[in-house]
Amino acid sequence: MIKSISFSKLLQVRSKIRRSITCYTHPVLVARNGGQSKTCTTKLGGVRVPPGDRILLVDDDTNIRKILSLILGDAGYVVDTAESGKEAIAKSDANSYNLAVVDVRLGDMECTKLLSRLYETRPRMMKIVLTGYPLSEDALRTLSQGVDGYLAKPVKSDQLLKTVNNLLERQTKETATVLPSNTLTDT
């Protein structure tokens, strides 16, 4: 688990990630993102990142929030952070997110309670649980709460981006089967 990290180390990580990003146009993702013509793929696992996908990152550890926010933000995602379950619920009620990344242990509420609340208000939002305790009872309980992905800390940036991308692609496919085909076209 990360205890502290200097600002200069954060900038080094960010710089390394930025150097690994290349951009291209992908017509399906352009239609999905309201006609925006730029989508990105990273060399970190070949992940395709449509601009504008919104992610809610919930962790009570400031350093982890900063690092994961930098990784996801530099890959092209719009990232909001919350340090508590209450803050995450408030942000989820006020905004629409494609995906939430939630730490299994939060200071103010159980992860399972937050996941249930997120499912009630945003059932199509994909959810990834992060844990530093991969075989704990808490981690196993979250799997029955509609969790779509599960990552153990410390998570590698390419693993995080690949998991996020795979879940967002799955969400797009599920949404496409529910919505009429002309909903995803440019108008």
N, C-alpha and C. Protein backbone atom coordinates (compact mmCIF):
# COMPACT_ATOMS: atom_id res chain seq x y z
N MET A 1 0.84 -1.17 0.00
CA MET A 1 0.00 0.00 0.00
C MET A 1 0.89 1.25 0.00
N ILE A 2 0.55 2.26 -0.73
CA ILE A 2 1.32 3.49 -0.84
C ILE A 2 1.07 4.35 0.39
N LYS A 3 2.15 4.74 1.10
CA LYS A 3 1.97 5.57 2.28
C LYS A 3 2.10 7.05 1.95
N SER A 4 3.09 7.39 1.17
CA SER A 4 3.22 8.78 0.74
C SER A 4 4.03 8.82 -0.55
N ILE A 5 3.79 9.87 -1.31
CA ILE A 5 4.50 10.02 -2.57
C ILE A 5 4.71 11.51 -2.79
N SER A 6 5.88 11.84 -3.28
CA SER A 6 6.17 13.25 -3.50
C SER A 6 5.48 13.75 -4.76
N PHE A 7 5.28 15.04 -4.83
CA PHE A 7 4.66 15.65 -6.00
C PHE A 7 5.52 15.42 -7.24
N SER A 8 6.85 15.47 -7.07
CA SER A 8 7.73 15.25 -8.23
C SER A 8 7.58 13.82 -8.76
N LYS A 9 7.37 12.83 -7.88
CA LYS A 9 7.16 11.46 -8.32
C LYS A 9 5.84 11.35 -9.09
N LEU A 10 4.79 12.05 -8.63
CA LEU A 10 3.52 12.07 -9.35
C LEU A 10 3.71 12.62 -10.76
N LEU A 11 4.50 13.69 -10.88
CA LEU A 11 4.74 14.29 -12.19
C LEU A 11 5.52 13.34 -13.10
N GLN A 12 6.47 12.57 -12.53
CA GLN A 12 7.22 11.59 -13.32
C GLN A 12 6.29 10.51 -13.85
N VAL A 13 5.40 10.01 -13.00
CA VAL A 13 4.44 8.99 -13.42
C VAL A 13 3.56 9.54 -14.53
N ARG A 14 3.06 10.76 -14.34
CA ARG A 14 2.19 11.39 -15.33
C ARG A 14 2.91 11.57 -16.66
N SER A 15 4.16 12.02 -16.61
CA SER A 15 4.93 12.23 -17.82
C SER A 15 5.14 10.91 -18.56
N LYS A 16 5.43 9.85 -17.84
CA LYS A 16 5.64 8.54 -18.45
C LYS A 16 4.36 8.06 -19.14
N ILE A 17 3.22 8.26 -18.52
CA ILE A 17 1.95 7.85 -19.11
C ILE A 17 1.65 8.67 -20.35
N ARG A 18 1.84 9.98 -20.28
CA ARG A 18 1.56 10.85 -21.43
C ARG A 18 2.39 10.47 -22.65
N ARG A 19 3.64 10.08 -22.43
CA ARG A 19 4.51 9.69 -23.55
C ARG A 19 4.01 8.42 -24.23
N SER A 20 3.20 7.62 -23.53
CA SER A 20 2.77 6.34 -24.09
C SER A 20 1.43 6.43 -24.80
N ILE A 21 0.85 7.62 -24.93
CA ILE A 21 -0.48 7.76 -25.53
C ILE A 21 -0.36 8.23 -26.98
N THR A 22 -1.08 7.54 -27.86
CA THR A 22 -1.19 7.97 -29.25
C THR A 22 -2.67 8.08 -29.58
N CYS A 23 -3.03 8.91 -30.53
CA CYS A 23 -4.45 9.13 -30.84
C CYS A 23 -4.76 8.73 -32.27
N TYR A 24 -6.03 8.36 -32.51
CA TYR A 24 -6.51 8.00 -33.83
C TYR A 24 -8.03 8.17 -33.84
N THR A 25 -8.64 8.02 -35.00
CA THR A 25 -10.09 8.15 -35.13
C THR A 25 -10.72 6.77 -35.23
N HIS A 26 -11.80 6.54 -34.49
CA HIS A 26 -12.52 5.28 -34.50
C HIS A 26 -14.00 5.59 -34.67
N PRO A 27 -14.62 5.26 -35.82
CA PRO A 27 -15.97 5.72 -36.15
C PRO A 27 -17.07 5.28 -35.17
N VAL A 28 -16.99 4.07 -34.61
CA VAL A 28 -18.02 3.63 -33.67
C VAL A 28 -17.97 4.48 -32.40
N LEU A 29 -16.76 4.73 -31.92
CA LEU A 29 -16.61 5.51 -30.70
C LEU A 29 -16.93 6.98 -30.94
N VAL A 30 -16.70 7.46 -32.16
CA VAL A 30 -17.07 8.84 -32.51
C VAL A 30 -18.57 9.01 -32.37
N ALA A 31 -19.34 8.06 -32.90
CA ALA A 31 -20.80 8.12 -32.80
C ALA A 31 -21.23 8.04 -31.35
N ARG A 32 -20.57 7.21 -30.58
CA ARG A 32 -20.92 7.05 -29.17
C ARG A 32 -20.67 8.31 -28.37
N ASN A 33 -19.70 9.10 -28.79
CA ASN A 33 -19.31 10.28 -28.04
C ASN A 33 -19.79 11.58 -28.67
N GLY A 34 -20.94 11.54 -29.27
CA GLY A 34 -21.57 12.76 -29.77
C GLY A 34 -20.82 13.42 -30.90
N GLY A 35 -20.13 12.65 -31.73
CA GLY A 35 -19.47 13.21 -32.89
C GLY A 35 -18.05 13.68 -32.66
N GLN A 36 -17.52 13.52 -31.44
CA GLN A 36 -16.13 13.90 -31.23
C GLN A 36 -15.25 12.94 -32.01
N SER A 37 -14.30 13.48 -32.76
CA SER A 37 -13.55 12.64 -33.69
C SER A 37 -12.25 12.08 -33.12
N LYS A 38 -11.91 12.39 -31.90
CA LYS A 38 -10.63 11.94 -31.39
C LYS A 38 -10.83 10.88 -30.30
N THR A 39 -10.23 9.72 -30.49
CA THR A 39 -10.19 8.71 -29.46
C THR A 39 -8.75 8.27 -29.31
N CYS A 40 -8.42 7.70 -28.20
CA CYS A 40 -7.03 7.37 -27.94
C CYS A 40 -6.84 5.90 -27.68
N THR A 41 -5.64 5.44 -28.00
CA THR A 41 -5.23 4.10 -27.62
C THR A 41 -3.86 4.24 -26.94
N THR A 42 -3.66 3.54 -25.86
CA THR A 42 -2.38 3.64 -25.17
C THR A 42 -1.53 2.43 -25.51
N LYS A 43 -0.24 2.60 -25.37
CA LYS A 43 0.67 1.48 -25.56
C LYS A 43 0.65 0.57 -24.33
N LEU A 44 -0.01 1.01 -23.27
CA LEU A 44 -0.13 0.20 -22.06
C LEU A 44 -1.24 -0.82 -22.26
N GLY A 45 -1.01 -1.83 -23.05
CA GLY A 45 -1.99 -2.87 -23.26
C GLY A 45 -2.92 -2.62 -24.44
N GLY A 46 -2.67 -1.60 -25.25
CA GLY A 46 -3.50 -1.34 -26.42
C GLY A 46 -4.93 -0.95 -26.09
N VAL A 47 -5.13 -0.17 -25.05
CA VAL A 47 -6.46 0.20 -24.58
C VAL A 47 -7.02 1.35 -25.40
N ARG A 48 -8.25 1.22 -25.91
CA ARG A 48 -8.91 2.30 -26.64
C ARG A 48 -9.73 3.12 -25.66
N VAL A 49 -9.52 4.43 -25.67
CA VAL A 49 -10.18 5.31 -24.72
C VAL A 49 -10.98 6.38 -25.43
N PRO A 50 -12.31 6.27 -25.45
CA PRO A 50 -13.10 7.34 -26.03
C PRO A 50 -13.14 8.54 -25.10
N PRO A 51 -12.98 9.74 -25.64
CA PRO A 51 -13.03 10.92 -24.79
C PRO A 51 -14.43 11.10 -24.23
N GLY A 52 -14.50 11.51 -23.00
CA GLY A 52 -15.79 11.82 -22.40
C GLY A 52 -16.36 10.73 -21.52
N ASP A 53 -15.82 9.50 -21.55
CA ASP A 53 -16.30 8.49 -20.61
C ASP A 53 -15.98 8.99 -19.20
N ARG A 54 -17.00 8.98 -18.36
CA ARG A 54 -16.87 9.54 -17.01
C ARG A 54 -16.68 8.43 -15.98
N ILE A 55 -15.69 8.64 -15.12
CA ILE A 55 -15.36 7.66 -14.08
C ILE A 55 -15.40 8.34 -12.72
N LEU A 56 -16.05 7.68 -11.76
CA LEU A 56 -16.05 8.12 -10.37
C LEU A 56 -15.08 7.24 -9.61
N LEU A 57 -14.06 7.85 -9.03
CA LEU A 57 -13.01 7.14 -8.30
C LEU A 57 -13.19 7.40 -6.81
N VAL A 58 -13.43 6.34 -6.04
CA VAL A 58 -13.73 6.48 -4.61
C VAL A 58 -12.68 5.74 -3.80
N ASP A 59 -11.86 6.48 -3.06
CA ASP A 59 -10.85 5.89 -2.19
C ASP A 59 -10.53 6.89 -1.10
N ASP A 60 -10.38 6.42 0.13
CA ASP A 60 -10.09 7.33 1.23
C ASP A 60 -8.60 7.66 1.34
N ASP A 61 -7.76 7.01 0.55
CA ASP A 61 -6.33 7.30 0.52
C ASP A 61 -6.04 8.36 -0.54
N THR A 62 -5.60 9.52 -0.11
CA THR A 62 -5.35 10.65 -1.01
C THR A 62 -4.35 10.30 -2.11
N ASN A 63 -3.26 9.64 -1.76
CA ASN A 63 -2.23 9.32 -2.75
C ASN A 63 -2.74 8.38 -3.83
N ILE A 64 -3.51 7.39 -3.43
CA ILE A 64 -4.05 6.45 -4.41
C ILE A 64 -5.03 7.18 -5.33
N ARG A 65 -5.87 8.05 -4.75
CA ARG A 65 -6.79 8.84 -5.58
C ARG A 65 -6.03 9.67 -6.59
N LYS A 66 -4.96 10.32 -6.17
CA LYS A 66 -4.19 11.17 -7.08
C LYS A 66 -3.56 10.35 -8.21
N ILE A 67 -2.93 9.24 -7.86
CA ILE A 67 -2.23 8.43 -8.86
C ILE A 67 -3.22 7.83 -9.86
N LEU A 68 -4.29 7.21 -9.36
CA LEU A 68 -5.26 6.59 -10.28
C LEU A 68 -5.98 7.64 -11.11
N SER A 69 -6.23 8.79 -10.52
CA SER A 69 -6.85 9.89 -11.27
C SER A 69 -5.94 10.36 -12.40
N LEU A 70 -4.65 10.47 -12.13
CA LEU A 70 -3.69 10.86 -13.17
C LEU A 70 -3.64 9.82 -14.28
N ILE A 71 -3.59 8.54 -13.92
CA ILE A 71 -3.52 7.47 -14.91
C ILE A 71 -4.75 7.51 -15.80
N LEU A 72 -5.93 7.54 -15.19
CA LEU A 72 -7.17 7.52 -15.96
C LEU A 72 -7.38 8.82 -16.73
N GLY A 73 -7.08 9.96 -16.11
CA GLY A 73 -7.23 11.25 -16.77
C GLY A 73 -6.30 11.41 -17.96
N ASP A 74 -5.07 10.99 -17.80
CA ASP A 74 -4.11 11.10 -18.90
C ASP A 74 -4.43 10.14 -20.03
N ALA A 75 -5.19 9.09 -19.73
CA ALA A 75 -5.61 8.15 -20.78
C ALA A 75 -6.84 8.64 -21.52
N GLY A 76 -7.42 9.77 -21.10
CA GLY A 76 -8.53 10.35 -21.83
C GLY A 76 -9.87 10.31 -21.13
N TYR A 77 -9.93 9.72 -19.96
CA TYR A 77 -11.20 9.66 -19.23
C TYR A 77 -11.43 10.94 -18.43
N VAL A 78 -12.69 11.26 -18.21
CA VAL A 78 -13.07 12.36 -17.33
C VAL A 78 -13.24 11.72 -15.95
N VAL A 79 -12.43 12.16 -14.97
CA VAL A 79 -12.40 11.51 -13.66
C VAL A 79 -12.84 12.49 -12.58
N ASP A 80 -13.81 12.04 -11.78
CA ASP A 80 -14.19 12.74 -10.55
C ASP A 80 -13.76 11.85 -9.40
N THR A 81 -13.31 12.47 -8.31
CA THR A 81 -12.88 11.68 -7.16
C THR A 81 -13.75 11.98 -5.95
N ALA A 82 -13.84 10.98 -5.08
CA ALA A 82 -14.54 11.13 -3.81
C ALA A 82 -13.72 10.40 -2.75
N GLU A 83 -13.61 11.01 -1.57
CA GLU A 83 -12.83 10.37 -0.52
C GLU A 83 -13.70 9.60 0.47
N SER A 84 -15.02 9.66 0.29
CA SER A 84 -15.91 8.94 1.20
C SER A 84 -17.12 8.41 0.44
N GLY A 85 -17.82 7.50 1.08
CA GLY A 85 -19.03 6.96 0.48
C GLY A 85 -20.11 8.01 0.32
N LYS A 86 -20.24 8.87 1.33
CA LYS A 86 -21.25 9.94 1.27
C LYS A 86 -20.98 10.89 0.10
N GLU A 87 -19.72 11.25 -0.07
CA GLU A 87 -19.35 12.14 -1.18
C GLU A 87 -19.61 11.44 -2.53
N ALA A 88 -19.32 10.15 -2.60
CA ALA A 88 -19.57 9.39 -3.83
C ALA A 88 -21.06 9.35 -4.17
N ILE A 89 -21.89 9.15 -3.16
CA ILE A 89 -23.34 9.12 -3.39
C ILE A 89 -23.83 10.48 -3.89
N ALA A 90 -23.34 11.55 -3.25
CA ALA A 90 -23.74 12.90 -3.68
C ALA A 90 -23.32 13.16 -5.12
N LYS A 91 -22.11 12.79 -5.49
CA LYS A 91 -21.64 13.01 -6.86
C LYS A 91 -22.40 12.14 -7.85
N SER A 92 -22.70 10.92 -7.47
CA SER A 92 -23.45 10.02 -8.35
C SER A 92 -24.89 10.52 -8.54
N ASP A 93 -25.47 11.11 -7.52
CA ASP A 93 -26.82 11.66 -7.65
C ASP A 93 -26.83 12.89 -8.57
N ALA A 94 -25.74 13.66 -8.54
CA ALA A 94 -25.67 14.90 -9.32
C ALA A 94 -25.15 14.70 -10.74
N ASN A 95 -24.38 13.65 -10.98
CA ASN A 95 -23.73 13.43 -12.27
C ASN A 95 -23.97 12.01 -12.76
N SER A 96 -23.79 11.83 -14.05
CA SER A 96 -23.89 10.50 -14.64
C SER A 96 -22.48 9.98 -14.91
N TYR A 97 -22.21 8.77 -14.47
CA TYR A 97 -20.90 8.15 -14.68
C TYR A 97 -21.06 6.84 -15.43
N ASN A 98 -20.07 6.53 -16.26
CA ASN A 98 -20.06 5.25 -16.95
C ASN A 98 -19.55 4.15 -16.04
N LEU A 99 -18.65 4.52 -15.12
CA LEU A 99 -17.98 3.51 -14.31
C LEU A 99 -17.57 4.11 -12.98
N ALA A 100 -17.58 3.27 -11.94
CA ALA A 100 -17.07 3.68 -10.63
C ALA A 100 -15.97 2.70 -10.21
N VAL A 101 -14.89 3.26 -9.68
CA VAL A 101 -13.81 2.48 -9.10
C VAL A 101 -13.85 2.76 -7.61
N VAL A 102 -14.12 1.71 -6.81
CA VAL A 102 -14.39 1.90 -5.38
C VAL A 102 -13.44 1.04 -4.56
N ASP A 103 -12.82 1.67 -3.55
CA ASP A 103 -11.99 0.94 -2.59
C ASP A 103 -12.90 0.12 -1.70
N VAL A 104 -12.48 -1.10 -1.36
CA VAL A 104 -13.32 -1.99 -0.57
C VAL A 104 -13.46 -1.49 0.88
N ARG A 105 -12.48 -0.73 1.36
CA ARG A 105 -12.54 -0.23 2.73
C ARG A 105 -12.55 1.30 2.72
N LEU A 106 -13.71 1.84 3.07
CA LEU A 106 -13.88 3.29 3.16
C LEU A 106 -14.07 3.65 4.62
N GLY A 107 -13.72 4.88 4.98
CA GLY A 107 -13.80 5.29 6.37
C GLY A 107 -15.21 5.47 6.90
N ASP A 108 -16.13 5.92 6.06
CA ASP A 108 -17.46 6.29 6.57
C ASP A 108 -18.56 5.28 6.33
N MET A 109 -18.38 4.34 5.42
CA MET A 109 -19.41 3.32 5.19
C MET A 109 -18.80 2.09 4.55
N GLU A 110 -19.51 1.00 4.65
CA GLU A 110 -19.05 -0.24 4.02
C GLU A 110 -19.18 -0.12 2.51
N CYS A 111 -18.25 -0.71 1.83
CA CYS A 111 -18.24 -0.72 0.36
C CYS A 111 -19.52 -1.34 -0.18
N THR A 112 -20.00 -2.40 0.47
CA THR A 112 -21.20 -3.08 0.00
C THR A 112 -22.42 -2.15 0.05
N LYS A 113 -22.48 -1.31 1.06
CA LYS A 113 -23.59 -0.35 1.16
C LYS A 113 -23.51 0.67 0.03
N LEU A 114 -22.30 1.17 -0.25
CA LEU A 114 -22.12 2.13 -1.34
C LEU A 114 -22.46 1.48 -2.68
N LEU A 115 -22.01 0.26 -2.91
CA LEU A 115 -22.29 -0.43 -4.17
C LEU A 115 -23.79 -0.63 -4.36
N SER A 116 -24.49 -0.99 -3.29
CA SER A 116 -25.95 -1.16 -3.38
C SER A 116 -26.62 0.15 -3.74
N ARG A 117 -26.17 1.24 -3.13
CA ARG A 117 -26.75 2.56 -3.40
C ARG A 117 -26.47 2.98 -4.85
N LEU A 118 -25.25 2.75 -5.32
CA LEU A 118 -24.91 3.09 -6.70
C LEU A 118 -25.74 2.26 -7.67
N TYR A 119 -25.98 0.99 -7.34
CA TYR A 119 -26.78 0.14 -8.21
C TYR A 119 -28.23 0.63 -8.26
N GLU A 120 -28.76 1.08 -7.12
CA GLU A 120 -30.14 1.58 -7.07
C GLU A 120 -30.32 2.82 -7.95
N THR A 121 -29.35 3.74 -7.88
CA THR A 121 -29.50 5.00 -8.61
C THR A 121 -28.97 4.94 -10.03
N ARG A 122 -27.96 4.14 -10.29
CA ARG A 122 -27.33 4.04 -11.61
C ARG A 122 -27.07 2.57 -11.95
N PRO A 123 -28.11 1.80 -12.27
CA PRO A 123 -27.93 0.36 -12.48
C PRO A 123 -27.00 0.00 -13.64
N ARG A 124 -26.87 0.86 -14.64
CA ARG A 124 -26.00 0.54 -15.80
C ARG A 124 -24.55 0.96 -15.58
N MET A 125 -24.27 1.69 -14.49
CA MET A 125 -22.90 2.08 -14.20
C MET A 125 -22.09 0.83 -13.85
N MET A 126 -20.95 0.66 -14.52
CA MET A 126 -20.07 -0.46 -14.22
C MET A 126 -19.32 -0.14 -12.92
N LYS A 127 -18.99 -1.19 -12.17
CA LYS A 127 -18.33 -0.99 -10.89
C LYS A 127 -17.12 -1.91 -10.75
N ILE A 128 -15.99 -1.30 -10.36
CA ILE A 128 -14.76 -2.04 -10.09
C ILE A 128 -14.42 -1.82 -8.62
N VAL A 129 -14.07 -2.90 -7.93
CA VAL A 129 -13.66 -2.81 -6.54
C VAL A 129 -12.14 -2.97 -6.47
N LEU A 130 -11.50 -2.06 -5.72
CA LEU A 130 -10.07 -2.13 -5.45
C LEU A 130 -9.87 -2.58 -4.01
N THR A 131 -8.91 -3.46 -3.78
CA THR A 131 -8.64 -3.87 -2.41
C THR A 131 -7.17 -4.17 -2.21
N GLY A 132 -6.71 -3.88 -1.02
CA GLY A 132 -5.37 -4.26 -0.60
C GLY A 132 -5.41 -5.60 0.11
N TYR A 133 -6.60 -6.15 0.26
CA TYR A 133 -6.81 -7.40 0.97
C TYR A 133 -7.56 -8.37 0.05
N PRO A 134 -6.87 -8.98 -0.93
CA PRO A 134 -7.54 -9.73 -1.98
C PRO A 134 -8.39 -10.92 -1.53
N LEU A 135 -8.07 -11.54 -0.43
CA LEU A 135 -8.84 -12.71 -0.02
C LEU A 135 -9.68 -12.45 1.23
N SER A 136 -9.90 -11.19 1.56
CA SER A 136 -10.65 -10.87 2.76
C SER A 136 -12.14 -11.15 2.58
N GLU A 137 -12.83 -11.26 3.70
CA GLU A 137 -14.27 -11.49 3.68
C GLU A 137 -14.98 -10.31 3.02
N ASP A 138 -14.49 -9.08 3.27
CA ASP A 138 -15.08 -7.89 2.63
C ASP A 138 -15.00 -7.99 1.12
N ALA A 139 -13.86 -8.40 0.62
CA ALA A 139 -13.67 -8.51 -0.84
C ALA A 139 -14.61 -9.55 -1.43
N LEU A 140 -14.77 -10.67 -0.77
CA LEU A 140 -15.64 -11.71 -1.28
C LEU A 140 -17.11 -11.29 -1.24
N ARG A 141 -17.51 -10.53 -0.22
CA ARG A 141 -18.90 -10.06 -0.13
C ARG A 141 -19.24 -9.10 -1.26
N THR A 142 -18.29 -8.30 -1.69
CA THR A 142 -18.57 -7.33 -2.76
C THR A 142 -18.91 -8.01 -4.08
N LEU A 143 -18.40 -9.21 -4.27
CA LEU A 143 -18.66 -9.91 -5.53
C LEU A 143 -20.14 -10.22 -5.72
N SER A 144 -20.89 -10.31 -4.62
CA SER A 144 -22.33 -10.57 -4.73
C SER A 144 -23.14 -9.29 -4.81
N GLN A 145 -22.49 -8.14 -4.87
CA GLN A 145 -23.18 -6.85 -4.89
C GLN A 145 -23.21 -6.22 -6.28
N GLY A 146 -23.13 -7.01 -7.31
CA GLY A 146 -23.21 -6.48 -8.67
C GLY A 146 -21.92 -5.84 -9.14
N VAL A 147 -20.79 -6.31 -8.63
CA VAL A 147 -19.50 -5.78 -9.03
C VAL A 147 -19.11 -6.38 -10.38
N ASP A 148 -18.61 -5.53 -11.27
CA ASP A 148 -18.25 -5.97 -12.62
C ASP A 148 -16.78 -6.30 -12.76
N GLY A 149 -15.95 -5.75 -11.87
CA GLY A 149 -14.52 -5.98 -11.93
C GLY A 149 -13.92 -5.92 -10.54
N TYR A 150 -12.78 -6.53 -10.40
CA TYR A 150 -12.14 -6.65 -9.10
C TYR A 150 -10.63 -6.57 -9.31
N LEU A 151 -9.95 -5.62 -8.64
CA LEU A 151 -8.50 -5.47 -8.79
C LEU A 151 -7.85 -5.40 -7.41
N ALA A 152 -6.71 -6.07 -7.26
CA ALA A 152 -5.96 -6.04 -6.01
C ALA A 152 -4.89 -4.95 -6.09
N LYS A 153 -4.72 -4.23 -4.98
CA LYS A 153 -3.67 -3.21 -4.90
C LYS A 153 -2.37 -3.91 -4.56
N PRO A 154 -1.26 -3.40 -5.01
CA PRO A 154 -1.12 -2.26 -5.92
C PRO A 154 -1.47 -2.66 -7.34
N VAL A 155 -2.30 -1.88 -7.97
CA VAL A 155 -2.76 -2.18 -9.32
C VAL A 155 -1.81 -1.53 -10.33
N LYS A 156 -1.45 -2.26 -11.37
CA LYS A 156 -0.59 -1.72 -12.42
C LYS A 156 -1.44 -0.89 -13.37
N SER A 157 -0.86 0.16 -13.92
CA SER A 157 -1.62 1.07 -14.77
C SER A 157 -2.20 0.37 -16.00
N ASP A 158 -1.43 -0.52 -16.63
CA ASP A 158 -1.96 -1.21 -17.80
C ASP A 158 -3.10 -2.16 -17.44
N GLN A 159 -3.03 -2.77 -16.27
CA GLN A 159 -4.10 -3.65 -15.81
C GLN A 159 -5.37 -2.84 -15.52
N LEU A 160 -5.22 -1.69 -14.88
CA LEU A 160 -6.36 -0.82 -14.59
C LEU A 160 -7.02 -0.35 -15.89
N LEU A 161 -6.21 0.16 -16.82
CA LEU A 161 -6.75 0.67 -18.08
C LEU A 161 -7.42 -0.43 -18.91
N LYS A 162 -6.83 -1.60 -18.92
CA LYS A 162 -7.43 -2.71 -19.68
C LYS A 162 -8.76 -3.12 -19.07
N THR A 163 -8.83 -3.21 -17.74
CA THR A 163 -10.08 -3.59 -17.07
C THR A 163 -11.16 -2.55 -17.31
N VAL A 164 -10.80 -1.27 -17.16
CA VAL A 164 -11.76 -0.19 -17.39
C VAL A 164 -12.27 -0.23 -18.82
N ASN A 165 -11.36 -0.36 -19.77
CA ASN A 165 -11.74 -0.39 -21.18
C ASN A 165 -12.66 -1.57 -21.50
N ASN A 166 -12.32 -2.76 -21.00
CA ASN A 166 -13.14 -3.94 -21.25
C ASN A 166 -14.55 -3.76 -20.70
N LEU A 167 -14.67 -3.20 -19.51
CA LEU A 167 -16.00 -2.99 -18.92
C LEU A 167 -16.79 -1.94 -19.69
N LEU A 168 -16.13 -0.89 -20.15
CA LEU A 168 -16.83 0.14 -20.91
C LEU A 168 -17.27 -0.38 -22.28
N GLU A 169 -16.46 -1.23 -22.88
CA GLU A 169 -16.86 -1.86 -24.14
C GLU A 169 -18.07 -2.76 -23.92
N ARG A 170 -18.05 -3.51 -22.82
CA ARG A 170 -19.20 -4.37 -22.49
C ARG A 170 -20.44 -3.53 -22.25
N GLN A 171 -20.28 -2.41 -21.57
CA GLN A 171 -21.41 -1.50 -21.32
C GLN A 171 -21.97 -0.97 -22.63
N THR A 172 -21.09 -0.62 -23.55
CA THR A 172 -21.52 -0.11 -24.86
C THR A 172 -22.31 -1.18 -25.61
N LYS A 173 -21.83 -2.40 -25.59
CA LYS A 173 -22.53 -3.50 -26.26
C LYS A 173 -23.90 -3.75 -25.62
N GLU A 174 -23.95 -3.73 -24.29
CA GLU A 174 -25.23 -3.95 -23.60
C GLU A 174 -26.20 -2.82 -23.89
N THR A 175 -25.70 -1.59 -23.92
CA THR A 175 -26.55 -0.45 -24.22
C THR A 175 -27.04 -0.51 -25.66
N ALA A 176 -26.18 -0.93 -26.57
CA ALA A 176 -26.55 -1.01 -27.98
C ALA A 176 -27.65 -2.04 -28.20
N THR A 177 -27.68 -3.09 -27.40
CA THR A 177 -28.74 -4.09 -27.56
C THR A 177 -30.06 -3.61 -26.98
N VAL A 178 -30.00 -2.66 -26.04
CA VAL A 178 -31.21 -2.13 -25.42
C VAL A 178 -31.78 -0.97 -26.23
N LEU A 179 -30.89 -0.12 -26.76
CA LEU A 179 -31.31 1.07 -27.49
C LEU A 179 -31.52 0.76 -28.97
N PRO A 180 -32.41 1.48 -29.64
CA PRO A 180 -32.55 1.33 -31.09
C PRO A 180 -31.23 1.66 -31.78
N SER A 181 -30.97 1.07 -32.91
CA SER A 181 -29.69 1.25 -33.60
C SER A 181 -29.42 2.70 -33.99
N ASN A 182 -30.46 3.49 -34.29
CA ASN A 182 -30.22 4.87 -34.69
C ASN A 182 -29.85 5.78 -33.53
N THR A 183 -29.90 5.29 -32.27
CA THR A 183 -29.54 6.10 -31.11
C THR A 183 -28.04 6.38 -31.08
N LEU A 184 -27.23 5.48 -31.63
CA LEU A 184 -25.79 5.64 -31.57
C LEU A 184 -25.21 6.38 -32.78
N THR A 185 -26.02 6.87 -33.66
CA THR A 185 -25.51 7.55 -34.84
C THR A 185 -25.39 9.04 -34.60
N ASP A 186 -24.55 9.66 -35.39
CA ASP A 186 -24.37 11.11 -35.33
C ASP A 186 -25.61 11.80 -35.88
N THR A 187 -26.04 12.87 -35.23
CA THR A 187 -27.17 13.63 -35.75
C THR A 187 -26.75 15.01 -36.17
